[in-house]
């Protein structure tokens, strides 16, 4: 991480219009903005359309760097390393161009408020910070959520298999399981082979195949907010089920049962012996080997309890 940050501290430049730091050159993968100099042109020799996506400060760049710098700062504190360099990174992180809402109400894809040449483009690069990143959050940045939803509405529920897989995960981060499920069913109907491999003009595109599994996981368990959330984006149609072996941050592996859209039992394997925080206050008691485990109730209404590496803990309804 430090080597990557050293590179970007050298690479970033100040935007003369805003004073923020930006990457330059940059690109928002494959999606061309609509602005001066950004135009399609047709090559009669190759019979192909061409366009440029080169810009400065694409939103995906700034979100990736916000995450990267933040992870380094956190790691350096835990390890008690590089206090002087860490301070430099903290200053640079505070100067990165933040997410912005454009005049059309959508989250901007570029530092400048360009329109899209392709309004229904398959990529959602400027939503990296919502998923798989951790810059945009329904809990921590609620002022950006409507802008994210408007991007997804504008792009639509269609496109290639991997694009739909990403949209399943994005809507799950927005806690809309029914919308995720709608896109999932469209993927099954239109964008996968009988073996469930994703289509995208090739025999199989692995980011769609594995991405869809990640999106389904995100519908049933989330842990990026520092607490394990159970069934955060459960569709109405999935009112009963079982989900085994899902891994959550902190070194936990969960088996989950639910009925009538409510959790009935959770089994948690602690792989690292970390403290477990889970959104389950008032709903469950925690046991290990049949004995009740002491829990602490936090201000965010989550519970936490200490674990031992290799220990198996059960959450059962009160």
Protein backbone atom coordinates (compact mmCIF):
# COMPACT_ATOMS: atom_id res chain seq x y z
CA UNK A 1 0.00 0.00 0.00
CA UNK A 2 2.79 2.41 0.86
CA UNK A 3 4.47 1.94 -2.51
CA UNK A 4 1.19 2.58 -4.33
CA UNK A 5 0.59 5.72 -2.27
CA UNK A 6 4.11 7.00 -2.90
CA UNK A 7 3.42 6.68 -6.62
CA UNK A 8 0.13 8.55 -6.44
CA UNK A 9 1.46 11.31 -4.19
CA UNK A 10 3.93 11.98 -7.00
CA UNK A 11 1.30 11.53 -9.74
CA UNK A 12 -1.53 13.68 -8.34
CA UNK A 13 -1.79 17.31 -9.44
CA UNK A 14 -3.82 20.24 -8.17
CA UNK A 15 -6.95 21.13 -10.10
CA UNK A 16 -6.54 24.88 -10.77
CA UNK A 17 -10.33 25.32 -10.74
CA UNK A 18 -10.98 23.78 -7.32
CA UNK A 19 -7.67 23.32 -5.51
CA UNK A 20 -8.42 19.63 -5.03
CA UNK A 21 -5.96 16.92 -6.04
CA UNK A 22 -6.79 14.89 -9.17
CA UNK A 23 -5.29 12.16 -11.31
CA UNK A 24 -4.18 13.39 -14.71
CA UNK A 25 -4.47 11.77 -17.21
CA UNK A 26 -7.42 9.68 -16.14
CA UNK A 27 -10.34 7.72 -17.57
CA UNK A 28 -13.71 6.41 -16.51
CA UNK A 29 -13.43 2.95 -18.09
CA UNK A 30 -15.01 2.78 -21.55
CA UNK A 31 -17.62 5.49 -21.02
CA UNK A 32 -17.11 8.68 -23.05
CA UNK A 33 -18.24 12.00 -21.59
CA UNK A 34 -20.25 14.47 -23.62
CA UNK A 35 -18.21 17.64 -23.82
CA UNK A 36 -15.87 19.66 -26.03
CA UNK A 37 -13.67 17.29 -28.03
CA UNK A 38 -15.51 14.14 -26.95
CA UNK A 39 -17.17 12.86 -30.09
CA UNK A 40 -17.77 9.56 -31.86
CA UNK A 41 -16.26 9.10 -35.27
CA UNK A 42 -16.68 6.24 -37.74
CA UNK A 43 -13.66 4.63 -39.41
CA UNK A 44 -14.75 3.34 -42.83
CA UNK A 45 -11.64 1.14 -43.10
CA UNK A 46 -12.33 -0.83 -39.92
CA UNK A 47 -16.12 -0.20 -39.94
CA UNK A 48 -15.89 0.72 -36.25
CA UNK A 49 -16.87 3.70 -34.14
CA UNK A 50 -14.14 5.32 -32.06
CA UNK A 51 -14.20 7.77 -29.18
CA UNK A 52 -11.95 8.96 -26.38
CA UNK A 53 -12.50 8.64 -22.64
CA UNK A 54 -9.33 10.44 -21.54
CA UNK A 55 -9.99 13.11 -18.89
CA UNK A 56 -8.66 14.21 -15.50
CA UNK A 57 -9.93 13.21 -12.09
CA UNK A 58 -12.44 10.51 -13.06
CA UNK A 59 -14.62 9.76 -10.06
CA UNK A 60 -13.53 6.11 -9.92
CA UNK A 61 -9.90 7.21 -9.52
CA UNK A 62 -10.71 9.53 -6.66
CA UNK A 63 -12.83 6.94 -4.89
CA UNK A 64 -10.17 4.22 -5.21
CA UNK A 65 -7.54 6.58 -3.81
CA UNK A 66 -9.83 7.67 -0.97
CA UNK A 67 -10.16 4.01 0.02
CA UNK A 68 -6.45 3.25 -0.50
CA UNK A 69 -5.24 6.25 1.52
CA UNK A 70 -7.76 5.47 4.27
CA UNK A 71 -6.69 1.82 4.49
CA UNK A 72 -3.05 2.85 4.75
CA UNK A 73 -3.79 5.37 7.50
CA UNK A 74 -5.69 2.72 9.46
CA UNK A 75 -2.97 0.09 8.99
CA UNK A 76 -0.19 2.51 9.96
CA UNK A 77 -2.03 3.35 13.19
CA UNK A 78 -2.56 -0.33 14.07
CA UNK A 79 1.10 -1.15 13.37
CA UNK A 80 2.46 2.10 14.90
CA UNK A 81 4.48 2.77 11.76
CA UNK A 82 5.47 5.84 9.70
CA UNK A 83 3.81 8.63 11.74
CA UNK A 84 5.33 11.37 9.55
CA UNK A 85 4.37 9.74 6.26
CA UNK A 86 0.94 8.88 7.65
CA UNK A 87 0.37 12.57 8.43
CA UNK A 88 1.30 13.42 4.85
CA UNK A 89 -1.19 10.86 3.55
CA UNK A 90 -3.92 12.22 5.82
CA UNK A 91 -3.43 15.71 4.36
CA UNK A 92 -3.45 14.40 0.78
CA UNK A 93 -6.58 12.33 1.42
CA UNK A 94 -8.41 15.41 2.68
CA UNK A 95 -7.56 17.18 -0.58
CA UNK A 96 -8.81 14.50 -2.99
CA UNK A 97 -11.76 15.59 -5.14
CA UNK A 98 -14.86 14.40 -3.25
CA UNK A 99 -17.95 12.77 -4.80
CA UNK A 100 -20.20 15.40 -6.40
CA UNK A 101 -23.81 15.60 -7.52
CA UNK A 102 -24.31 16.96 -11.05
CA UNK A 103 -26.93 19.31 -12.37
CA UNK A 104 -29.11 16.35 -13.43
CA UNK A 105 -29.12 14.99 -9.87
CA UNK A 106 -26.84 12.02 -10.60
CA UNK A 107 -23.50 11.29 -9.00
CA UNK A 108 -20.89 12.81 -11.32
CA UNK A 109 -18.71 10.41 -13.29
CA UNK A 110 -16.06 13.05 -13.93
CA UNK A 111 -14.64 16.00 -12.02
CA UNK A 112 -16.32 18.23 -14.58
CA UNK A 113 -20.10 17.93 -14.81
CA UNK A 114 -20.22 16.32 -18.25
CA UNK A 115 -23.22 14.53 -19.69
CA UNK A 116 -23.01 10.97 -21.06
CA UNK A 117 -22.55 10.18 -24.72
CA UNK A 118 -24.03 6.78 -23.81
CA UNK A 119 -26.80 7.38 -21.21
CA UNK A 120 -27.35 3.61 -20.75
CA UNK A 121 -23.68 2.65 -20.67
CA UNK A 122 -23.00 -0.78 -19.13
CA UNK A 123 -20.27 0.45 -16.75
CA UNK A 124 -21.06 2.18 -13.47
CA UNK A 125 -17.49 3.17 -12.70
CA UNK A 126 -18.40 6.22 -10.62
CA UNK A 127 -20.32 3.93 -8.26
CA UNK A 128 -17.14 2.06 -7.32
CA UNK A 129 -17.26 3.92 -4.01
CA UNK A 130 -20.63 2.31 -3.24
CA UNK A 131 -19.57 -1.19 -4.31
CA UNK A 132 -17.05 -2.74 -4.11
CA UNK A 133 -15.50 0.30 -2.44
CA UNK A 134 -16.45 1.87 0.86
CA UNK A 135 -16.51 5.61 0.16
CA UNK A 136 -20.27 6.00 -0.35
CA UNK A 137 -22.65 4.57 2.22
CA UNK A 138 -26.37 4.72 2.93
CA UNK A 139 -25.43 5.22 6.59
CA UNK A 140 -22.39 7.51 6.39
CA UNK A 141 -23.07 9.58 3.24
CA UNK A 142 -26.87 9.70 2.90
CA UNK A 143 -26.64 12.93 0.88
CA UNK A 144 -25.11 10.94 -2.02
CA UNK A 145 -27.60 8.08 -2.10
CA UNK A 146 -30.28 9.71 -4.27
CA UNK A 147 -27.55 10.57 -6.78
CA UNK A 148 -26.47 6.92 -6.88
CA UNK A 149 -30.04 5.74 -7.39
CA UNK A 150 -30.52 8.20 -10.24
CA UNK A 151 -27.39 6.85 -11.93
CA UNK A 152 -28.75 3.31 -11.72
CA UNK A 153 -32.19 4.36 -12.95
CA UNK A 154 -30.60 6.17 -15.88
CA UNK A 155 -28.37 3.23 -16.81
CA UNK A 156 -31.25 0.75 -16.57
CA UNK A 157 -31.41 -2.86 -15.42
CA UNK A 158 -30.17 -4.40 -18.67
CA UNK A 159 -26.73 -4.72 -20.32
CA UNK A 160 -24.20 -7.56 -20.23
CA UNK A 161 -23.96 -10.30 -17.61
CA UNK A 162 -21.16 -8.77 -15.56
CA UNK A 163 -22.89 -5.38 -15.63
CA UNK A 164 -26.06 -6.92 -14.20
CA UNK A 165 -24.03 -8.71 -11.52
CA UNK A 166 -22.57 -5.35 -10.47
CA UNK A 167 -26.02 -3.78 -10.39
CA UNK A 168 -27.29 -6.60 -8.17
CA UNK A 169 -24.56 -5.72 -5.67
CA UNK A 170 -25.09 -1.96 -5.99
CA UNK A 171 -28.82 -2.18 -5.27
CA UNK A 172 -28.03 -4.51 -2.36
CA UNK A 173 -25.78 -1.81 -0.87
CA UNK A 174 -28.79 0.50 -1.22
CA UNK A 175 -30.85 -2.09 0.71
CA UNK A 176 -33.26 -2.68 -2.17
CA UNK A 177 -33.44 -6.46 -2.38
CA UNK A 178 -36.45 -6.50 -4.70
CA UNK A 179 -34.58 -4.46 -7.32
CA UNK A 180 -31.53 -6.69 -6.96
CA UNK A 181 -33.74 -9.73 -7.42
CA UNK A 182 -35.38 -8.25 -10.53
CA UNK A 183 -31.95 -7.77 -12.13
CA UNK A 184 -30.86 -11.23 -10.99
CA UNK A 185 -33.85 -12.82 -12.70
CA UNK A 186 -33.13 -10.83 -15.86
CA UNK A 187 -29.57 -12.14 -15.78
CA UNK A 188 -30.80 -15.74 -15.51
CA UNK A 189 -33.25 -15.24 -18.37
CA UNK A 190 -31.10 -13.26 -20.79
CA UNK A 191 -27.42 -13.19 -19.84
CA UNK A 192 -26.25 -16.63 -18.78
CA UNK A 193 -25.75 -20.05 -20.30
CA UNK A 194 -27.35 -23.26 -18.94
CA UNK A 195 -24.19 -23.77 -16.82
CA UNK A 196 -24.89 -20.29 -15.28
CA UNK A 197 -21.74 -18.84 -16.91
CA UNK A 198 -22.15 -15.17 -17.79
CA UNK A 199 -22.46 -14.00 -21.39
CA UNK A 200 -20.67 -10.97 -22.82
CA UNK A 201 -19.96 -11.74 -26.45
CA UNK A 202 -17.56 -14.52 -25.39
CA UNK A 203 -18.08 -18.11 -24.18
CA UNK A 204 -17.79 -17.03 -20.55
CA UNK A 205 -16.90 -13.86 -18.67
CA UNK A 206 -15.81 -14.72 -15.15
CA UNK A 207 -16.54 -11.32 -13.58
CA UNK A 208 -20.20 -11.87 -14.38
CA UNK A 209 -20.26 -15.46 -13.13
CA UNK A 210 -18.41 -14.80 -9.86
CA UNK A 211 -19.77 -11.26 -9.58
CA UNK A 212 -23.31 -12.52 -9.43
CA UNK A 213 -22.40 -14.81 -6.53
CA UNK A 214 -20.87 -11.79 -4.80
CA UNK A 215 -24.03 -9.76 -5.43
CA UNK A 216 -26.26 -12.47 -3.97
CA UNK A 217 -23.97 -12.65 -0.94
CA UNK A 218 -24.28 -8.88 -0.52
CA UNK A 219 -28.07 -9.24 -0.45
CA UNK A 220 -27.88 -11.69 2.45
CA UNK A 221 -24.87 -10.52 4.50
CA UNK A 222 -22.97 -7.22 4.64
CA UNK A 223 -20.05 -6.35 6.89
CA UNK A 224 -18.39 -3.27 5.37
CA UNK A 225 -19.83 -0.86 7.96
CA UNK A 226 -17.90 -2.40 10.86
CA UNK A 227 -20.86 -4.55 11.88
CA UNK A 228 -22.28 -7.75 10.38
CA UNK A 229 -25.75 -7.13 8.91
CA UNK A 230 -28.00 -10.13 8.37
CA UNK A 231 -30.42 -10.18 5.41
CA UNK A 232 -29.89 -6.45 4.67
CA UNK A 233 -31.45 -6.65 1.19
CA UNK A 234 -33.70 -9.70 1.31
CA UNK A 235 -36.24 -9.79 -1.56
CA UNK A 236 -39.87 -10.42 -0.68
CA UNK A 237 -39.76 -13.60 -2.80
CA UNK A 238 -36.93 -15.07 -0.72
CA UNK A 239 -39.00 -15.28 2.46
CA UNK A 240 -37.41 -18.58 3.55
CA UNK A 241 -34.00 -20.09 3.01
CA UNK A 242 -30.58 -21.20 4.19
CA UNK A 243 -27.18 -19.82 3.33
CA UNK A 244 -24.01 -21.65 4.45
CA UNK A 245 -20.35 -20.72 4.57
CA UNK A 246 -20.52 -16.97 3.84
CA UNK A 247 -17.44 -15.08 5.04
CA UNK A 248 -17.71 -11.71 6.78
CA UNK A 249 -14.99 -9.21 7.60
CA UNK A 250 -13.12 -9.91 10.81
CA UNK A 251 -12.55 -13.59 10.06
CA UNK A 252 -16.07 -14.93 10.59
CA UNK A 253 -17.89 -17.64 8.63
CA UNK A 254 -21.67 -17.78 8.92
CA UNK A 255 -24.43 -20.32 8.34
CA UNK A 256 -27.86 -18.65 8.31
CA UNK A 257 -31.43 -19.91 8.43
CA UNK A 258 -34.49 -17.73 7.94
CA UNK A 259 -38.26 -18.22 7.80
CA UNK A 260 -41.00 -15.70 6.98
CA UNK A 261 -38.19 -13.21 6.16
CA UNK A 262 -36.85 -13.42 9.74
CA UNK A 263 -33.63 -14.98 10.97
CA UNK A 264 -34.25 -18.16 12.96
CA UNK A 265 -30.69 -19.30 13.63
CA UNK A 266 -27.12 -18.22 12.89
CA UNK A 267 -23.95 -20.25 13.43
CA UNK A 268 -20.69 -18.29 13.46
CA UNK A 269 -17.21 -19.79 13.15
CA UNK A 270 -14.56 -17.41 14.48
CA UNK A 271 -11.41 -17.99 12.45
CA UNK A 272 -9.22 -15.33 14.07
CA UNK A 273 -10.64 -14.84 17.56
CA UNK A 274 -11.72 -11.25 16.96
CA UNK A 275 -14.56 -9.46 18.69
CA UNK A 276 -17.78 -10.05 16.73
CA UNK A 277 -20.16 -7.14 16.15
CA UNK A 278 -23.52 -8.05 14.69
CA UNK A 279 -26.80 -6.22 14.09
CA UNK A 280 -28.92 -8.44 16.31
CA UNK A 281 -29.84 -6.47 19.42
CA UNK A 282 -32.96 -7.68 21.21
CA UNK A 283 -33.47 -10.50 18.73
CA UNK A 284 -31.03 -13.19 19.79
CA UNK A 285 -29.01 -14.64 22.58
CA UNK A 286 -25.47 -15.86 21.90
CA UNK A 287 -24.31 -19.29 23.02
CA UNK A 288 -21.15 -21.37 22.78
CA UNK A 289 -21.24 -25.09 23.59
CA UNK A 290 -24.76 -24.59 24.91
CA UNK A 291 -23.70 -21.87 27.39
CA UNK A 292 -24.80 -18.25 27.18
CA UNK A 293 -22.13 -15.75 26.09
CA UNK A 294 -21.94 -12.26 27.58
CA UNK A 295 -22.73 -9.51 25.05
CA UNK A 296 -22.38 -5.74 24.99
CA UNK A 297 -25.04 -3.51 23.43
CA UNK A 298 -23.62 -0.62 21.39
CA UNK A 299 -25.10 2.80 20.62
CA UNK A 300 -25.87 1.72 17.05
CA UNK A 301 -28.05 -1.05 18.48
CA UNK A 302 -25.59 -3.77 17.48
CA UNK A 303 -24.28 -6.36 19.90
CA UNK A 304 -20.69 -7.46 20.31
CA UNK A 305 -19.04 -10.37 22.06
CA UNK A 306 -15.54 -11.74 22.40
CA UNK A 307 -14.62 -14.90 20.52
CA UNK A 308 -11.90 -17.52 20.51
CA UNK A 309 -10.20 -18.66 17.31
CA UNK A 310 -11.86 -21.84 16.13
CA UNK A 311 -14.86 -21.29 18.38
CA UNK A 312 -18.39 -21.83 17.08
CA UNK A 313 -21.06 -19.43 18.32
CA UNK A 314 -24.80 -19.66 17.83
CA UNK A 315 -27.38 -16.90 17.69
CA UNK A 316 -30.81 -18.19 18.59
CA UNK A 317 -34.03 -16.27 19.02
CA UNK A 318 -34.83 -15.06 22.53
